[in-house]
Amino acid sequence: MSTASVAAIRSMEQFRALASTPHHSSRGTHTVTATSVADTTKSASAAVTVQGNVAITPGSANVVAGATQQFQATVGGQTSSKVTWSVDGVGGGNATVGTISSAGLYTAPSQPGNHTITAASGINAADNSTAPVAVFTFGISPGSALLAQGGTQQFSATIQGLTNTGVTWSVDGVAGGNTTIGTISATGLYTAPGQTEITRLRPQARLTRR
């Protein structure tokens, strides 16, 4: 066996030994490099991400103001209740940043904003995982309208707290509506159906996902 092959095997054995040794401070992204024995100016590298024992699911969330989102923590790959939860560094959260129960149920505050959920191991608080949360508000204006047959009404949707503010429009659950219930354009312009009675309208808008 060549000297280069022996060196490569020894290097691999050393790397395996290091990887199997637990170090709480070794979490993060590291670089593994192999250097040629014949020509030490030649090398190749690979990025290695070492995760901690704690992980949060989902890894991020968009939550309507005042609504709830269930988070789950795993420790060493197993679901565990032996973690402590905090929001923006506040144990259990508060009314400003939102609250989170010991079971991981987050209740968003009344105002839009960006927050960070943290689950920390009960054994080692330095072993933790975080998940970003975007709290947003969503509304339609006007909230209702009274139209005669064939009449039109412009509606607008307002979203605060999200980068993507696009919406899709529907009438009575039908995307874009139809001639029976009225139609609504991509910009929120509703046209009432050509019926003889007056139409009382409550439009619906849904967030688009990109």
N, C-alpha and C. Protein backbone atom coordinates (compact mmCIF):
# COMPACT_ATOMS: atom_id res chain seq x y z
N MET A 1 0.85 -1.20 0.00
CA MET A 1 0.00 0.00 0.00
C MET A 1 0.88 1.24 0.00
N SER A 2 0.52 2.24 -0.78
CA SER A 2 1.35 3.43 -0.91
C SER A 2 1.29 4.29 0.35
N THR A 3 2.31 5.14 0.51
CA THR A 3 2.38 6.04 1.65
C THR A 3 1.18 6.99 1.67
N ALA A 4 0.77 7.45 0.46
CA ALA A 4 -0.37 8.36 0.36
C ALA A 4 -1.66 7.68 0.82
N SER A 5 -1.83 6.40 0.47
CA SER A 5 -3.04 5.67 0.85
C SER A 5 -3.10 5.48 2.35
N VAL A 6 -1.94 5.14 2.95
CA VAL A 6 -1.89 4.96 4.41
C VAL A 6 -2.23 6.27 5.11
N ALA A 7 -1.71 7.38 4.61
CA ALA A 7 -1.98 8.69 5.21
C ALA A 7 -3.45 9.04 5.11
N ALA A 8 -4.07 8.70 3.97
CA ALA A 8 -5.49 9.00 3.79
C ALA A 8 -6.34 8.20 4.75
N ILE A 9 -5.99 6.90 4.95
CA ILE A 9 -6.75 6.05 5.87
C ILE A 9 -6.62 6.57 7.30
N ARG A 10 -5.38 6.93 7.68
CA ARG A 10 -5.19 7.45 9.03
C ARG A 10 -5.96 8.75 9.26
N SER A 11 -5.98 9.61 8.23
CA SER A 11 -6.71 10.87 8.34
C SER A 11 -8.20 10.61 8.51
N MET A 12 -8.75 9.62 7.77
CA MET A 12 -10.16 9.28 7.89
C MET A 12 -10.49 8.73 9.26
N GLU A 13 -9.58 7.87 9.80
CA GLU A 13 -9.79 7.31 11.12
C GLU A 13 -9.79 8.40 12.19
N GLN A 14 -8.90 9.37 12.03
CA GLN A 14 -8.85 10.47 12.98
C GLN A 14 -10.11 11.31 12.91
N PHE A 15 -10.61 11.54 11.69
CA PHE A 15 -11.82 12.34 11.53
C PHE A 15 -13.02 11.63 12.16
N ARG A 16 -13.11 10.29 11.95
CA ARG A 16 -14.22 9.54 12.53
C ARG A 16 -14.18 9.60 14.05
N ALA A 17 -12.98 9.52 14.60
CA ALA A 17 -12.84 9.57 16.05
C ALA A 17 -13.28 10.90 16.60
N LEU A 18 -12.90 11.97 15.92
CA LEU A 18 -13.31 13.30 16.36
C LEU A 18 -14.80 13.49 16.23
N ALA A 19 -15.39 12.98 15.15
CA ALA A 19 -16.82 13.15 14.92
C ALA A 19 -17.65 12.41 15.94
N SER A 20 -17.11 11.30 16.48
CA SER A 20 -17.87 10.50 17.43
C SER A 20 -17.74 11.01 18.86
N THR A 21 -16.85 11.96 19.07
CA THR A 21 -16.64 12.51 20.41
C THR A 21 -17.56 13.70 20.63
N PRO A 22 -18.45 13.67 21.66
CA PRO A 22 -19.40 14.76 21.86
C PRO A 22 -18.73 16.02 22.38
N HIS A 23 -18.98 17.13 21.71
CA HIS A 23 -18.51 18.44 22.16
C HIS A 23 -19.67 19.40 21.98
N HIS A 24 -20.21 19.93 23.09
CA HIS A 24 -21.36 20.82 23.00
C HIS A 24 -21.04 22.10 22.23
N SER A 25 -19.73 22.48 22.23
CA SER A 25 -19.36 23.74 21.59
C SER A 25 -19.03 23.58 20.11
N SER A 26 -19.14 22.34 19.58
CA SER A 26 -18.72 22.10 18.20
C SER A 26 -19.84 22.26 17.19
N ARG A 27 -21.04 22.68 17.64
CA ARG A 27 -22.13 22.85 16.69
C ARG A 27 -21.81 23.96 15.70
N GLY A 28 -22.35 23.82 14.49
CA GLY A 28 -22.13 24.84 13.48
C GLY A 28 -21.60 24.23 12.20
N THR A 29 -21.09 25.09 11.33
CA THR A 29 -20.55 24.64 10.05
C THR A 29 -19.03 24.58 10.12
N HIS A 30 -18.48 23.44 9.72
CA HIS A 30 -17.04 23.24 9.76
C HIS A 30 -16.55 22.80 8.38
N THR A 31 -15.26 22.90 8.17
CA THR A 31 -14.68 22.56 6.87
C THR A 31 -13.69 21.40 7.03
N VAL A 32 -13.93 20.34 6.27
CA VAL A 32 -13.03 19.18 6.23
C VAL A 32 -12.16 19.32 4.98
N THR A 33 -10.86 19.23 5.16
CA THR A 33 -9.94 19.42 4.04
C THR A 33 -9.01 18.21 3.89
N ALA A 34 -8.86 17.75 2.67
CA ALA A 34 -7.90 16.69 2.36
C ALA A 34 -6.77 17.32 1.54
N THR A 35 -5.54 17.13 2.00
CA THR A 35 -4.37 17.71 1.34
C THR A 35 -3.50 16.60 0.76
N SER A 36 -3.08 16.77 -0.46
CA SER A 36 -2.24 15.79 -1.13
C SER A 36 -0.89 15.67 -0.42
N VAL A 37 -0.47 14.41 -0.20
CA VAL A 37 0.84 14.18 0.40
C VAL A 37 1.94 14.45 -0.63
N ALA A 38 1.68 14.08 -1.87
CA ALA A 38 2.68 14.27 -2.92
C ALA A 38 2.90 15.73 -3.25
N ASP A 39 1.81 16.53 -3.18
CA ASP A 39 1.92 17.95 -3.50
C ASP A 39 1.05 18.70 -2.50
N THR A 40 1.64 19.22 -1.46
CA THR A 40 0.89 19.85 -0.36
C THR A 40 0.20 21.16 -0.76
N THR A 41 0.45 21.61 -1.97
CA THR A 41 -0.24 22.82 -2.44
C THR A 41 -1.62 22.48 -2.99
N LYS A 42 -1.91 21.20 -3.14
CA LYS A 42 -3.19 20.76 -3.70
C LYS A 42 -4.08 20.20 -2.58
N SER A 43 -5.30 20.67 -2.54
CA SER A 43 -6.22 20.20 -1.51
C SER A 43 -7.65 20.33 -2.00
N ALA A 44 -8.56 19.65 -1.32
CA ALA A 44 -9.99 19.73 -1.61
C ALA A 44 -10.73 19.81 -0.27
N SER A 45 -11.84 20.55 -0.27
CA SER A 45 -12.56 20.77 0.98
C SER A 45 -14.04 20.41 0.85
N ALA A 46 -14.66 20.13 2.00
CA ALA A 46 -16.09 19.84 2.05
C ALA A 46 -16.66 20.47 3.31
N ALA A 47 -17.85 21.05 3.20
CA ALA A 47 -18.50 21.68 4.35
C ALA A 47 -19.30 20.64 5.13
N VAL A 48 -19.19 20.68 6.45
CA VAL A 48 -19.91 19.76 7.33
C VAL A 48 -20.69 20.59 8.34
N THR A 49 -22.00 20.36 8.42
CA THR A 49 -22.84 21.06 9.40
C THR A 49 -23.14 20.11 10.55
N VAL A 50 -22.70 20.48 11.74
CA VAL A 50 -22.93 19.66 12.93
C VAL A 50 -24.11 20.26 13.70
N GLN A 51 -25.17 19.47 13.85
CA GLN A 51 -26.36 19.94 14.54
C GLN A 51 -26.28 19.60 16.02
N GLY A 52 -26.97 20.39 16.82
CA GLY A 52 -27.05 20.10 18.24
C GLY A 52 -28.07 19.00 18.48
N ASN A 53 -28.25 18.63 19.74
CA ASN A 53 -29.20 17.58 20.07
C ASN A 53 -30.64 18.05 19.94
N VAL A 54 -30.87 19.36 20.07
CA VAL A 54 -32.23 19.90 20.07
C VAL A 54 -32.60 20.39 18.67
N ALA A 55 -33.81 20.06 18.24
CA ALA A 55 -34.33 20.54 16.96
C ALA A 55 -35.79 20.94 17.14
N ILE A 56 -36.24 21.95 16.36
CA ILE A 56 -37.62 22.45 16.43
C ILE A 56 -38.33 22.19 15.12
N THR A 57 -39.59 21.76 15.22
CA THR A 57 -40.45 21.59 14.06
C THR A 57 -41.76 22.35 14.31
N PRO A 58 -42.24 23.18 13.34
CA PRO A 58 -41.58 23.53 12.09
C PRO A 58 -40.38 24.46 12.33
N GLY A 59 -39.51 24.55 11.34
CA GLY A 59 -38.33 25.37 11.46
C GLY A 59 -38.58 26.85 11.35
N SER A 60 -39.76 27.23 10.84
CA SER A 60 -40.17 28.64 10.75
C SER A 60 -41.69 28.65 10.56
N ALA A 61 -42.30 29.81 10.81
CA ALA A 61 -43.76 29.88 10.67
C ALA A 61 -44.21 31.32 10.45
N ASN A 62 -45.32 31.46 9.69
CA ASN A 62 -46.04 32.73 9.56
C ASN A 62 -47.34 32.57 10.33
N VAL A 63 -47.59 33.46 11.28
CA VAL A 63 -48.75 33.31 12.17
C VAL A 63 -49.56 34.61 12.18
N VAL A 64 -50.86 34.50 11.97
CA VAL A 64 -51.74 35.67 12.04
C VAL A 64 -51.77 36.19 13.48
N ALA A 65 -51.78 37.50 13.64
CA ALA A 65 -51.81 38.10 14.97
C ALA A 65 -52.96 37.51 15.79
N GLY A 66 -52.64 37.08 16.99
CA GLY A 66 -53.64 36.51 17.89
C GLY A 66 -53.89 35.03 17.70
N ALA A 67 -53.36 34.46 16.63
CA ALA A 67 -53.55 33.03 16.36
C ALA A 67 -52.47 32.20 17.05
N THR A 68 -52.58 30.88 16.95
CA THR A 68 -51.63 30.00 17.61
C THR A 68 -50.87 29.13 16.60
N GLN A 69 -49.70 28.67 17.02
CA GLN A 69 -48.87 27.76 16.22
C GLN A 69 -48.22 26.76 17.16
N GLN A 70 -48.42 25.47 16.87
CA GLN A 70 -47.82 24.44 17.70
C GLN A 70 -46.40 24.12 17.21
N PHE A 71 -45.44 24.21 18.12
CA PHE A 71 -44.07 23.81 17.84
C PHE A 71 -43.77 22.53 18.61
N GLN A 72 -42.87 21.74 18.06
CA GLN A 72 -42.46 20.50 18.70
C GLN A 72 -40.95 20.44 18.77
N ALA A 73 -40.43 20.01 19.91
CA ALA A 73 -38.99 19.90 20.08
C ALA A 73 -38.58 18.44 20.17
N THR A 74 -37.46 18.13 19.54
CA THR A 74 -36.88 16.80 19.67
C THR A 74 -35.49 16.94 20.27
N VAL A 75 -35.13 15.99 21.11
CA VAL A 75 -33.80 15.97 21.71
C VAL A 75 -33.16 14.64 21.33
N GLY A 76 -32.06 14.71 20.60
CA GLY A 76 -31.42 13.50 20.13
C GLY A 76 -32.29 12.71 19.18
N GLY A 77 -33.16 13.43 18.43
CA GLY A 77 -34.03 12.78 17.46
C GLY A 77 -35.32 12.24 18.03
N GLN A 78 -35.52 12.37 19.35
CA GLN A 78 -36.72 11.86 19.99
C GLN A 78 -37.55 13.02 20.53
N THR A 79 -38.89 12.93 20.35
CA THR A 79 -39.77 13.96 20.89
C THR A 79 -39.59 14.04 22.40
N SER A 80 -39.44 15.26 22.90
CA SER A 80 -39.16 15.43 24.32
C SER A 80 -39.89 16.64 24.89
N SER A 81 -40.34 16.48 26.13
CA SER A 81 -40.94 17.60 26.84
C SER A 81 -39.93 18.24 27.79
N LYS A 82 -38.72 17.69 27.81
CA LYS A 82 -37.69 18.18 28.72
C LYS A 82 -36.90 19.32 28.08
N VAL A 83 -37.62 20.33 27.62
CA VAL A 83 -37.00 21.52 27.06
C VAL A 83 -37.69 22.74 27.66
N THR A 84 -37.00 23.85 27.65
CA THR A 84 -37.60 25.11 28.08
C THR A 84 -37.80 25.99 26.86
N TRP A 85 -38.93 26.67 26.80
CA TRP A 85 -39.29 27.48 25.63
C TRP A 85 -39.18 28.96 25.97
N SER A 86 -38.73 29.74 25.00
CA SER A 86 -38.67 31.19 25.17
C SER A 86 -38.96 31.87 23.84
N VAL A 87 -39.35 33.14 23.92
CA VAL A 87 -39.60 33.97 22.74
C VAL A 87 -38.75 35.22 22.86
N ASP A 88 -37.90 35.45 21.89
CA ASP A 88 -36.99 36.60 21.91
C ASP A 88 -36.20 36.66 23.22
N GLY A 89 -35.83 35.48 23.74
CA GLY A 89 -35.04 35.42 24.96
C GLY A 89 -35.84 35.53 26.24
N VAL A 90 -37.15 35.68 26.15
CA VAL A 90 -38.01 35.79 27.33
C VAL A 90 -38.64 34.43 27.61
N GLY A 91 -38.33 33.85 28.76
CA GLY A 91 -38.88 32.55 29.10
C GLY A 91 -40.39 32.56 29.10
N GLY A 92 -41.01 31.72 28.26
CA GLY A 92 -42.47 31.68 28.18
C GLY A 92 -43.08 32.81 27.39
N GLY A 93 -42.25 33.81 27.01
CA GLY A 93 -42.75 34.95 26.25
C GLY A 93 -43.55 35.92 27.09
N ASN A 94 -44.19 36.87 26.41
CA ASN A 94 -45.07 37.83 27.08
C ASN A 94 -46.06 38.39 26.06
N ALA A 95 -46.86 39.37 26.47
CA ALA A 95 -47.90 39.90 25.60
C ALA A 95 -47.34 40.66 24.40
N THR A 96 -46.12 41.16 24.52
CA THR A 96 -45.51 41.94 23.43
C THR A 96 -44.94 41.05 22.34
N VAL A 97 -44.24 40.00 22.72
CA VAL A 97 -43.58 39.13 21.74
C VAL A 97 -44.38 37.86 21.45
N GLY A 98 -45.43 37.64 22.23
CA GLY A 98 -46.20 36.41 22.11
C GLY A 98 -45.80 35.46 23.22
N THR A 99 -46.70 34.56 23.59
CA THR A 99 -46.42 33.62 24.66
C THR A 99 -46.27 32.21 24.11
N ILE A 100 -45.55 31.36 24.85
CA ILE A 100 -45.40 29.97 24.46
C ILE A 100 -45.50 29.10 25.71
N SER A 101 -46.29 28.04 25.60
CA SER A 101 -46.53 27.17 26.74
C SER A 101 -45.39 26.16 26.90
N SER A 102 -45.42 25.42 28.00
CA SER A 102 -44.40 24.40 28.23
C SER A 102 -44.50 23.27 27.22
N ALA A 103 -45.65 23.18 26.52
CA ALA A 103 -45.84 22.17 25.49
C ALA A 103 -45.50 22.68 24.09
N GLY A 104 -45.02 23.95 24.00
CA GLY A 104 -44.61 24.50 22.71
C GLY A 104 -45.71 25.18 21.91
N LEU A 105 -46.85 25.49 22.54
CA LEU A 105 -47.94 26.17 21.83
C LEU A 105 -47.71 27.67 21.90
N TYR A 106 -47.45 28.26 20.73
CA TYR A 106 -47.16 29.70 20.65
C TYR A 106 -48.44 30.46 20.32
N THR A 107 -48.70 31.54 21.06
CA THR A 107 -49.82 32.43 20.79
C THR A 107 -49.25 33.78 20.37
N ALA A 108 -49.53 34.17 19.14
CA ALA A 108 -48.96 35.40 18.59
C ALA A 108 -49.52 36.64 19.27
N PRO A 109 -48.72 37.72 19.36
CA PRO A 109 -49.22 38.98 19.92
C PRO A 109 -50.18 39.66 18.95
N SER A 110 -50.73 40.78 19.36
CA SER A 110 -51.72 41.48 18.54
C SER A 110 -51.10 42.34 17.45
N GLN A 111 -49.80 42.59 17.54
CA GLN A 111 -49.13 43.45 16.57
C GLN A 111 -48.19 42.64 15.67
N PRO A 112 -48.07 43.02 14.39
CA PRO A 112 -47.15 42.30 13.49
C PRO A 112 -45.70 42.53 13.88
N GLY A 113 -44.85 41.56 13.53
CA GLY A 113 -43.43 41.69 13.82
C GLY A 113 -42.73 40.35 13.68
N ASN A 114 -41.41 40.38 13.75
CA ASN A 114 -40.60 39.17 13.64
C ASN A 114 -40.07 38.77 15.01
N HIS A 115 -40.19 37.48 15.33
CA HIS A 115 -39.78 36.98 16.64
C HIS A 115 -39.02 35.67 16.47
N THR A 116 -38.35 35.24 17.53
CA THR A 116 -37.58 34.00 17.50
C THR A 116 -38.00 33.09 18.64
N ILE A 117 -38.40 31.88 18.27
CA ILE A 117 -38.75 30.85 19.24
C ILE A 117 -37.49 30.04 19.54
N THR A 118 -37.21 29.79 20.82
CA THR A 118 -36.04 29.00 21.21
C THR A 118 -36.47 27.85 22.12
N ALA A 119 -35.98 26.66 21.80
CA ALA A 119 -36.16 25.50 22.67
C ALA A 119 -34.78 25.09 23.16
N ALA A 120 -34.60 25.05 24.49
CA ALA A 120 -33.30 24.72 25.08
C ALA A 120 -33.40 23.44 25.88
N SER A 121 -32.37 22.64 25.81
CA SER A 121 -32.34 21.39 26.57
C SER A 121 -32.37 21.68 28.06
N GLY A 122 -33.16 20.89 28.78
CA GLY A 122 -33.23 21.06 30.23
C GLY A 122 -31.95 20.63 30.91
N ILE A 123 -31.12 19.83 30.22
CA ILE A 123 -29.86 19.37 30.79
C ILE A 123 -28.75 20.37 30.52
N ASN A 124 -28.72 20.91 29.30
CA ASN A 124 -27.67 21.86 28.93
C ASN A 124 -28.31 22.98 28.13
N ALA A 125 -28.51 24.15 28.77
CA ALA A 125 -29.21 25.27 28.13
C ALA A 125 -28.48 25.78 26.90
N ALA A 126 -27.15 25.50 26.81
CA ALA A 126 -26.38 25.94 25.65
C ALA A 126 -26.74 25.11 24.42
N ASP A 127 -27.34 23.96 24.64
CA ASP A 127 -27.78 23.10 23.53
C ASP A 127 -29.21 23.50 23.21
N ASN A 128 -29.40 24.29 22.16
CA ASN A 128 -30.72 24.82 21.85
C ASN A 128 -30.92 24.91 20.35
N SER A 129 -32.15 25.21 19.97
CA SER A 129 -32.49 25.39 18.56
C SER A 129 -33.49 26.54 18.46
N THR A 130 -33.47 27.25 17.35
CA THR A 130 -34.35 28.40 17.19
C THR A 130 -35.20 28.28 15.92
N ALA A 131 -36.32 28.97 15.91
CA ALA A 131 -37.21 29.02 14.75
C ALA A 131 -37.75 30.44 14.61
N PRO A 132 -37.56 31.09 13.45
CA PRO A 132 -38.11 32.44 13.26
C PRO A 132 -39.62 32.40 13.03
N VAL A 133 -40.32 33.39 13.56
CA VAL A 133 -41.76 33.51 13.40
C VAL A 133 -42.09 34.91 12.90
N ALA A 134 -42.89 35.00 11.84
CA ALA A 134 -43.37 36.29 11.33
C ALA A 134 -44.84 36.41 11.71
N VAL A 135 -45.15 37.37 12.55
CA VAL A 135 -46.54 37.63 12.95
C VAL A 135 -47.10 38.70 12.03
N PHE A 136 -48.27 38.44 11.44
CA PHE A 136 -48.81 39.40 10.47
C PHE A 136 -50.30 39.61 10.69
N THR A 137 -50.78 40.74 10.16
CA THR A 137 -52.22 41.04 10.17
C THR A 137 -52.73 41.01 8.74
N PHE A 138 -54.02 40.71 8.59
CA PHE A 138 -54.60 40.53 7.26
C PHE A 138 -56.03 41.02 7.29
N GLY A 139 -56.36 41.97 6.42
CA GLY A 139 -57.71 42.50 6.40
C GLY A 139 -58.17 42.90 5.01
N ILE A 140 -59.50 43.02 4.82
CA ILE A 140 -60.09 43.43 3.55
C ILE A 140 -60.90 44.69 3.77
N SER A 141 -60.79 45.62 2.81
CA SER A 141 -61.54 46.86 2.88
C SER A 141 -62.24 47.11 1.55
N PRO A 142 -63.56 47.49 1.58
CA PRO A 142 -64.43 47.55 2.75
C PRO A 142 -64.79 46.15 3.23
N GLY A 143 -65.29 46.04 4.47
CA GLY A 143 -65.62 44.74 5.05
C GLY A 143 -66.91 44.16 4.50
N SER A 144 -67.76 44.98 3.88
CA SER A 144 -69.00 44.51 3.26
C SER A 144 -69.46 45.57 2.26
N ALA A 145 -70.35 45.18 1.37
CA ALA A 145 -70.85 46.12 0.36
C ALA A 145 -72.26 45.71 -0.08
N LEU A 146 -73.08 46.69 -0.47
CA LEU A 146 -74.43 46.45 -0.96
C LEU A 146 -74.49 46.95 -2.40
N LEU A 147 -74.72 46.03 -3.37
CA LEU A 147 -74.67 46.38 -4.78
C LEU A 147 -75.94 45.99 -5.50
N ALA A 148 -76.27 46.78 -6.53
CA ALA A 148 -77.36 46.41 -7.44
C ALA A 148 -76.80 45.45 -8.48
N GLN A 149 -77.69 44.80 -9.23
CA GLN A 149 -77.25 43.85 -10.26
C GLN A 149 -76.30 44.54 -11.24
N GLY A 150 -75.23 43.83 -11.57
CA GLY A 150 -74.26 44.37 -12.51
C GLY A 150 -73.34 45.43 -11.94
N GLY A 151 -73.55 45.81 -10.67
CA GLY A 151 -72.72 46.84 -10.06
C GLY A 151 -71.31 46.34 -9.76
N THR A 152 -70.43 47.25 -9.51
CA THR A 152 -69.04 46.88 -9.20
C THR A 152 -68.60 47.48 -7.87
N GLN A 153 -67.62 46.84 -7.28
CA GLN A 153 -67.04 47.33 -6.03
C GLN A 153 -65.57 46.95 -6.00
N GLN A 154 -64.73 47.93 -5.74
CA GLN A 154 -63.29 47.67 -5.63
C GLN A 154 -62.95 47.31 -4.18
N PHE A 155 -62.31 46.17 -4.00
CA PHE A 155 -61.85 45.75 -2.69
C PHE A 155 -60.33 45.77 -2.66
N SER A 156 -59.78 45.93 -1.45
CA SER A 156 -58.32 45.89 -1.29
C SER A 156 -57.98 45.06 -0.07
N ALA A 157 -56.91 44.32 -0.17
CA ALA A 157 -56.42 43.50 0.94
C ALA A 157 -55.16 44.14 1.50
N THR A 158 -55.07 44.23 2.83
CA THR A 158 -53.92 44.83 3.49
C THR A 158 -53.23 43.79 4.37
N ILE A 159 -51.96 43.58 4.11
CA ILE A 159 -51.16 42.64 4.89
C ILE A 159 -49.98 43.38 5.49
N GLN A 160 -49.79 43.23 6.78
CA GLN A 160 -48.64 43.84 7.46
C GLN A 160 -47.86 42.74 8.17
N GLY A 161 -46.55 42.77 8.02
CA GLY A 161 -45.71 41.81 8.71
C GLY A 161 -45.12 40.73 7.82
N LEU A 162 -45.49 40.70 6.53
CA LEU A 162 -44.95 39.73 5.60
C LEU A 162 -44.33 40.44 4.39
N THR A 163 -43.28 39.85 3.84
CA THR A 163 -42.67 40.39 2.64
C THR A 163 -43.55 40.15 1.43
N ASN A 164 -44.12 38.95 1.33
CA ASN A 164 -45.02 38.60 0.23
C ASN A 164 -46.43 39.04 0.60
N THR A 165 -46.93 40.08 -0.04
CA THR A 165 -48.26 40.60 0.28
C THR A 165 -49.29 40.25 -0.80
N GLY A 166 -48.94 39.32 -1.69
CA GLY A 166 -49.86 38.92 -2.74
C GLY A 166 -51.03 38.11 -2.19
N VAL A 167 -52.21 38.24 -2.82
CA VAL A 167 -53.39 37.48 -2.42
C VAL A 167 -54.09 36.92 -3.65
N THR A 168 -54.93 35.94 -3.44
CA THR A 168 -55.84 35.46 -4.48
C THR A 168 -57.25 35.76 -4.01
N TRP A 169 -58.14 36.05 -4.96
CA TRP A 169 -59.51 36.45 -4.63
C TRP A 169 -60.51 35.35 -5.01
N SER A 170 -61.55 35.23 -4.19
CA SER A 170 -62.62 34.27 -4.48
C SER A 170 -63.95 34.83 -4.02
N VAL A 171 -65.04 34.28 -4.56
CA VAL A 171 -66.40 34.65 -4.17
C VAL A 171 -67.13 33.37 -3.79
N ASP A 172 -67.65 33.32 -2.57
CA ASP A 172 -68.35 32.12 -2.08
C ASP A 172 -67.48 30.88 -2.25
N GLY A 173 -66.17 31.04 -2.07
CA GLY A 173 -65.26 29.91 -2.16
C GLY A 173 -64.83 29.56 -3.57
N VAL A 174 -65.33 30.26 -4.58
CA VAL A 174 -64.98 29.99 -5.97
C VAL A 174 -63.91 31.00 -6.41
N ALA A 175 -62.74 30.50 -6.78
CA ALA A 175 -61.65 31.38 -7.20
C ALA A 175 -62.07 32.21 -8.40
N GLY A 176 -62.01 33.54 -8.25
CA GLY A 176 -62.39 34.44 -9.34
C GLY A 176 -63.88 34.60 -9.52
N GLY A 177 -64.68 33.79 -8.80
CA GLY A 177 -66.14 33.86 -8.93
C GLY A 177 -66.63 33.31 -10.25
N ASN A 178 -67.93 33.55 -10.53
CA ASN A 178 -68.53 33.15 -11.81
C ASN A 178 -69.75 34.03 -12.07
N THR A 179 -70.46 33.77 -13.17
CA THR A 179 -71.57 34.63 -13.57
C THR A 179 -72.77 34.51 -12.63
N THR A 180 -72.84 33.44 -11.86
CA THR A 180 -73.97 33.25 -10.94
C THR A 180 -73.79 34.03 -9.65
N ILE A 181 -72.61 34.04 -9.12
CA ILE A 181 -72.35 34.70 -7.84
C ILE A 181 -71.59 36.01 -7.99
N GLY A 182 -71.18 36.31 -9.19
CA GLY A 182 -70.38 37.50 -9.44
C GLY A 182 -68.92 37.13 -9.61
N THR A 183 -68.21 37.99 -10.30
CA THR A 183 -66.79 37.73 -10.55
C THR A 183 -65.92 38.75 -9.83
N ILE A 184 -64.69 38.36 -9.59
CA ILE A 184 -63.74 39.29 -8.97
C ILE A 184 -62.40 39.13 -9.67
N SER A 185 -61.78 40.25 -9.99
CA SER A 185 -60.54 40.23 -10.76
C SER A 185 -59.34 40.00 -9.84
N ALA A 186 -58.18 39.87 -10.45
CA ALA A 186 -56.94 39.66 -9.69
C ALA A 186 -56.58 40.88 -8.86
N THR A 187 -57.16 42.03 -9.21
CA THR A 187 -56.88 43.26 -8.45
C THR A 187 -57.98 43.57 -7.44
N GLY A 188 -58.97 42.66 -7.29
CA GLY A 188 -60.01 42.85 -6.28
C GLY A 188 -61.25 43.59 -6.75
N LEU A 189 -61.44 43.75 -8.06
CA LEU A 189 -62.64 44.43 -8.57
C LEU A 189 -63.77 43.41 -8.73
N TYR A 190 -64.81 43.57 -7.92
CA TYR A 190 -65.95 42.66 -7.95
C TYR A 190 -67.05 43.21 -8.85
N THR A 191 -67.61 42.31 -9.70
CA THR A 191 -68.75 42.67 -10.54
C THR A 191 -69.91 41.77 -10.16
N ALA A 192 -71.00 42.39 -9.71
CA ALA A 192 -72.16 41.63 -9.26
C ALA A 192 -72.82 40.91 -10.43
N PRO A 193 -73.49 39.78 -10.15
CA PRO A 193 -74.19 39.06 -11.23
C PRO A 193 -75.38 39.85 -11.73
N GLY A 194 -75.85 39.53 -12.91
CA GLY A 194 -76.97 40.25 -13.51
C GLY A 194 -78.30 39.70 -13.08
N GLN A 195 -78.53 39.60 -11.77
CA GLN A 195 -79.79 39.10 -11.23
C GLN A 195 -80.70 40.27 -10.89
N THR A 196 -81.95 39.98 -10.64
CA THR A 196 -82.91 41.05 -10.37
C THR A 196 -82.86 41.53 -8.93
N GLU A 197 -82.33 40.68 -8.03
CA GLU A 197 -82.27 41.11 -6.65
C GLU A 197 -80.95 41.79 -6.34
N ILE A 198 -80.94 42.49 -5.21
CA ILE A 198 -79.72 43.16 -4.76
C ILE A 198 -78.79 42.11 -4.16
N THR A 199 -77.52 42.25 -4.41
CA THR A 199 -76.52 41.31 -3.92
C THR A 199 -75.83 41.90 -2.69
N ARG A 200 -75.81 41.13 -1.59
CA ARG A 200 -75.06 41.53 -0.40
C ARG A 200 -73.78 40.71 -0.40
N LEU A 201 -72.64 41.39 -0.42
CA LEU A 201 -71.36 40.73 -0.68
C LEU A 201 -70.43 40.76 0.52
N ARG A 202 -69.83 39.60 0.77
CA ARG A 202 -68.71 39.51 1.69
C ARG A 202 -67.59 38.76 0.97
N PRO A 203 -66.61 39.45 0.43
CA PRO A 203 -65.55 38.82 -0.37
C PRO A 203 -64.57 38.06 0.51
N GLN A 204 -63.75 37.23 -0.14
CA GLN A 204 -62.71 36.50 0.55
C GLN A 204 -61.39 36.68 -0.20
N ALA A 205 -60.34 36.81 0.55
CA ALA A 205 -59.00 36.89 -0.03
C ALA A 205 -58.11 35.91 0.70
N ARG A 206 -57.24 35.24 -0.05
CA ARG A 206 -56.29 34.30 0.55
C ARG A 206 -54.87 34.69 0.19
N LEU A 207 -53.96 34.41 1.11
CA LEU A 207 -52.55 34.70 0.85
C LEU A 207 -52.03 33.79 -0.25
N THR A 208 -51.16 34.33 -1.09
CA THR A 208 -50.48 33.50 -2.07
C THR A 208 -49.18 33.04 -1.46
N ARG A 209 -48.70 31.85 -1.85
CA ARG A 209 -47.44 31.32 -1.35
C ARG A 209 -46.46 31.19 -2.49
N ARG A 210 -45.28 31.73 -2.32
CA ARG A 210 -44.25 31.69 -3.36
C ARG A 210 -43.04 30.93 -2.85
